[in-house]
Protein backbone atom coordinates (compact mmCIF):
# COMPACT_ATOMS: atom_id res chain seq x y z
CA UNK A 1 0.00 0.00 0.00
CA UNK A 2 1.24 3.45 -0.91
CA UNK A 3 2.10 5.94 1.71
CA UNK A 4 0.68 9.44 1.81
CA UNK A 5 4.07 10.75 0.75
CA UNK A 6 4.04 8.62 -2.42
CA UNK A 7 0.46 9.69 -3.22
CA UNK A 8 1.41 13.38 -2.84
CA UNK A 9 4.51 12.85 -5.01
CA UNK A 10 2.39 11.25 -7.75
CA UNK A 11 -0.20 14.06 -7.42
CA UNK A 12 2.52 16.69 -7.84
CA UNK A 13 3.94 14.86 -10.89
CA UNK A 14 0.49 14.61 -12.54
CA UNK A 15 -0.29 18.27 -11.87
CA UNK A 16 3.04 19.30 -13.44
CA UNK A 17 2.39 17.04 -16.47
CA UNK A 18 -1.12 18.48 -16.93
CA UNK A 19 0.21 22.04 -16.67
CA UNK A 20 2.96 21.24 -19.20
CA UNK A 21 0.44 19.78 -21.67
CA UNK A 22 -1.92 22.75 -21.32
CA UNK A 23 0.98 25.18 -21.77
CA UNK A 24 1.92 23.40 -25.02
CA UNK A 25 -1.67 23.55 -26.27
CA UNK A 26 -1.88 27.25 -25.36
CA UNK A 27 1.37 27.95 -27.23
CA UNK A 28 0.13 26.15 -30.34
CA UNK A 29 -3.15 28.09 -30.23
CA UNK A 30 -1.32 31.38 -29.69
CA UNK A 31 0.93 30.69 -32.68
CA UNK A 32 -2.12 29.94 -34.85
CA UNK A 33 -3.80 33.18 -33.74
CA UNK A 34 -0.62 35.10 -34.53
CA UNK A 35 -0.46 33.48 -37.99
CA UNK A 36 -4.15 34.21 -38.62
CA UNK A 37 -3.67 37.86 -37.71
CA UNK A 38 -0.84 38.10 -40.21
CA UNK A 39 -2.42 36.21 -43.06
CA UNK A 40 -6.13 35.41 -43.15
CA UNK A 41 -7.21 32.95 -45.81
CA UNK A 42 -9.47 34.61 -48.36
CA UNK A 43 -12.69 32.70 -48.93
CA UNK A 44 -14.61 35.40 -50.73
CA UNK A 45 -14.12 38.40 -52.96
CA UNK A 46 -16.22 41.52 -52.55
CA UNK A 47 -17.47 43.46 -55.59
CA UNK A 48 -19.34 46.75 -55.46
CA UNK A 49 -22.74 46.63 -57.16
CA UNK A 50 -21.50 49.34 -59.50
CA UNK A 51 -19.32 46.64 -61.11
CA UNK A 52 -20.41 45.38 -64.52
CA UNK A 53 -22.90 42.54 -63.84
CA UNK A 54 -21.01 40.31 -66.30
CA UNK A 55 -18.39 39.78 -63.55
CA UNK A 56 -21.00 37.85 -61.51
CA UNK A 57 -21.55 35.22 -64.19
CA UNK A 58 -20.45 31.81 -62.90
CA UNK A 59 -19.90 33.16 -59.38
CA UNK A 60 -21.70 32.00 -56.21
CA UNK A 61 -22.74 34.80 -53.83
CA UNK A 62 -22.25 34.51 -50.09
CA UNK A 63 -23.82 37.76 -48.90
CA UNK A 64 -24.84 41.32 -49.65
CA UNK A 65 -22.98 44.05 -47.78
CA UNK A 66 -25.05 47.14 -47.01
CA UNK A 67 -22.15 49.24 -45.75
CA UNK A 68 -21.04 47.29 -42.66
CA UNK A 69 -24.25 45.24 -42.45
CA UNK A 70 -23.92 41.71 -43.84
CA UNK A 71 -27.01 39.89 -45.17
CA UNK A 72 -26.60 36.24 -46.16
CA UNK A 73 -27.52 35.42 -49.77
CA UNK A 74 -26.46 32.10 -51.29
CA UNK A 75 -28.18 32.59 -54.67
CA UNK A 76 -28.48 35.48 -57.10
CA UNK A 77 -32.25 35.38 -56.63
CA UNK A 78 -31.65 35.97 -52.91
CA UNK A 79 -29.37 38.90 -53.77
CA UNK A 80 -32.13 40.28 -56.02
CA UNK A 81 -34.72 39.83 -53.25
CA UNK A 82 -32.61 41.52 -50.57
CA UNK A 83 -31.92 44.52 -52.80
CA UNK A 84 -35.45 44.99 -54.12
CA UNK A 85 -36.91 44.65 -50.61
CA UNK A 86 -34.41 47.18 -49.26
CA UNK A 87 -35.42 49.58 -52.04
CA UNK A 88 -39.11 48.97 -51.35
CA UNK A 89 -38.69 49.91 -47.66
CA UNK A 90 -38.36 53.58 -48.68
CA UNK A 91 -41.87 54.99 -49.07
CA UNK A 92 -40.94 57.21 -52.04
CA UNK A 93 -39.20 54.36 -53.83
CA UNK A 94 -42.17 52.09 -53.10
CA UNK A 95 -44.52 54.53 -54.85
CA UNK A 96 -42.20 54.73 -57.85
CA UNK A 97 -42.03 50.91 -58.00
CA UNK A 98 -45.83 50.79 -57.98
CA UNK A 99 -45.84 53.29 -60.83
CA UNK A 100 -43.48 51.09 -62.87
CA UNK A 101 -45.72 48.01 -62.67
CA UNK A 102 -46.59 46.60 -66.10
CA UNK A 103 -44.32 49.18 -67.76
CA UNK A 104 -40.91 47.50 -67.56
CA UNK A 105 -40.95 44.71 -70.09
CA UNK A 106 -38.47 41.99 -70.93
CA UNK A 107 -38.42 40.32 -74.34
CA UNK A 108 -41.18 37.91 -73.43
CA UNK A 109 -42.42 38.77 -69.94
CA UNK A 110 -43.24 41.71 -67.71
CA UNK A 111 -40.46 42.40 -65.22
CA UNK A 112 -42.55 44.28 -62.63
CA UNK A 113 -46.24 43.56 -62.37
CA UNK A 114 -49.29 43.96 -60.18
CA UNK A 115 -49.98 40.20 -60.39
CA UNK A 116 -47.81 37.10 -60.80
CA UNK A 117 -49.99 35.64 -63.56
CA UNK A 118 -47.68 35.40 -66.59
CA UNK A 119 -44.36 35.29 -64.74
CA UNK A 120 -42.33 32.08 -64.64
CA UNK A 121 -40.72 32.77 -61.24
CA UNK A 122 -42.64 35.56 -59.60
CA UNK A 123 -41.32 37.12 -56.40
CA UNK A 124 -43.77 39.05 -54.23
CA UNK A 125 -42.18 42.34 -53.23
CA UNK A 126 -45.29 43.81 -51.65
CA UNK A 127 -49.06 43.79 -52.00
CA UNK A 128 -49.82 44.10 -55.73
CA UNK A 129 -46.11 44.27 -56.59
CA UNK A 130 -44.33 41.29 -58.16
CA UNK A 131 -40.99 40.85 -59.92
CA UNK A 132 -39.88 38.24 -62.45
CA UNK A 133 -36.71 36.45 -61.31
CA UNK A 134 -36.40 33.76 -63.99
CA UNK A 135 -33.18 35.01 -65.59
CA UNK A 136 -29.53 34.02 -65.64
CA UNK A 137 -27.19 35.78 -63.21
CA UNK A 138 -25.95 38.55 -65.48
CA UNK A 139 -29.39 39.37 -66.87
CA UNK A 140 -31.04 39.28 -63.43
CA UNK A 141 -28.48 41.70 -61.99
CA UNK A 142 -28.55 43.95 -65.07
CA UNK A 143 -32.35 44.17 -64.90
CA UNK A 144 -32.31 44.83 -61.17
CA UNK A 145 -29.62 47.49 -61.26
CA UNK A 146 -30.28 49.31 -64.51
CA UNK A 147 -33.91 48.69 -65.35
CA UNK A 148 -35.36 48.88 -61.83
CA UNK A 149 -33.09 50.48 -59.20
CA UNK A 150 -31.70 53.18 -61.53
CA UNK A 151 -35.23 54.13 -62.65
CA UNK A 152 -36.39 54.31 -59.04
CA UNK A 153 -33.37 56.40 -58.03
CA UNK A 154 -32.14 53.89 -55.44
CA UNK A 155 -28.51 54.57 -54.51
CA UNK A 156 -26.61 51.27 -54.44
CA UNK A 157 -23.12 52.79 -54.58
CA UNK A 158 -22.42 51.75 -50.96
CA UNK A 159 -23.68 48.17 -51.46
CA UNK A 160 -21.44 45.23 -52.37
CA UNK A 161 -21.79 41.54 -53.05
CA UNK A 162 -19.37 38.94 -51.72
CA UNK A 163 -18.80 35.85 -53.86
CA UNK A 164 -17.08 32.56 -53.05
CA UNK A 165 -13.53 32.09 -54.31
């Protein structure tokens, strides 16, 4: 049977071993943090919305940046929805959007309408206000930016889209 002295000696050894192991783990973590501060891996690239929409073709969005605010958007339709809803929040812009219903036409379909009837992928912006979203990335963004937001007078110069690398 072990004596109290042997038990205390073993206790002291184990405590020292545990402290040594935790110190090593802390050092490894500290080194990783230092490395991360120096060189963060880049998982996304941020483009201002004022960029030519052709740059978005073949890209996968991760979010929309409204200044410092980050809104998750994993598809271009989600990007479209976030932007058009943000525009619609402004009462003046909302009235202009209502005035544009059934007046902005694509080649085959109405882009903004008061009813979803003839749209392939209608998105409800508000009561009696629908948008067609059945377009490829470049066309969808071009329509949103130049045919809708520019006509409404919505300033998107401080808005960006992050895409996966």
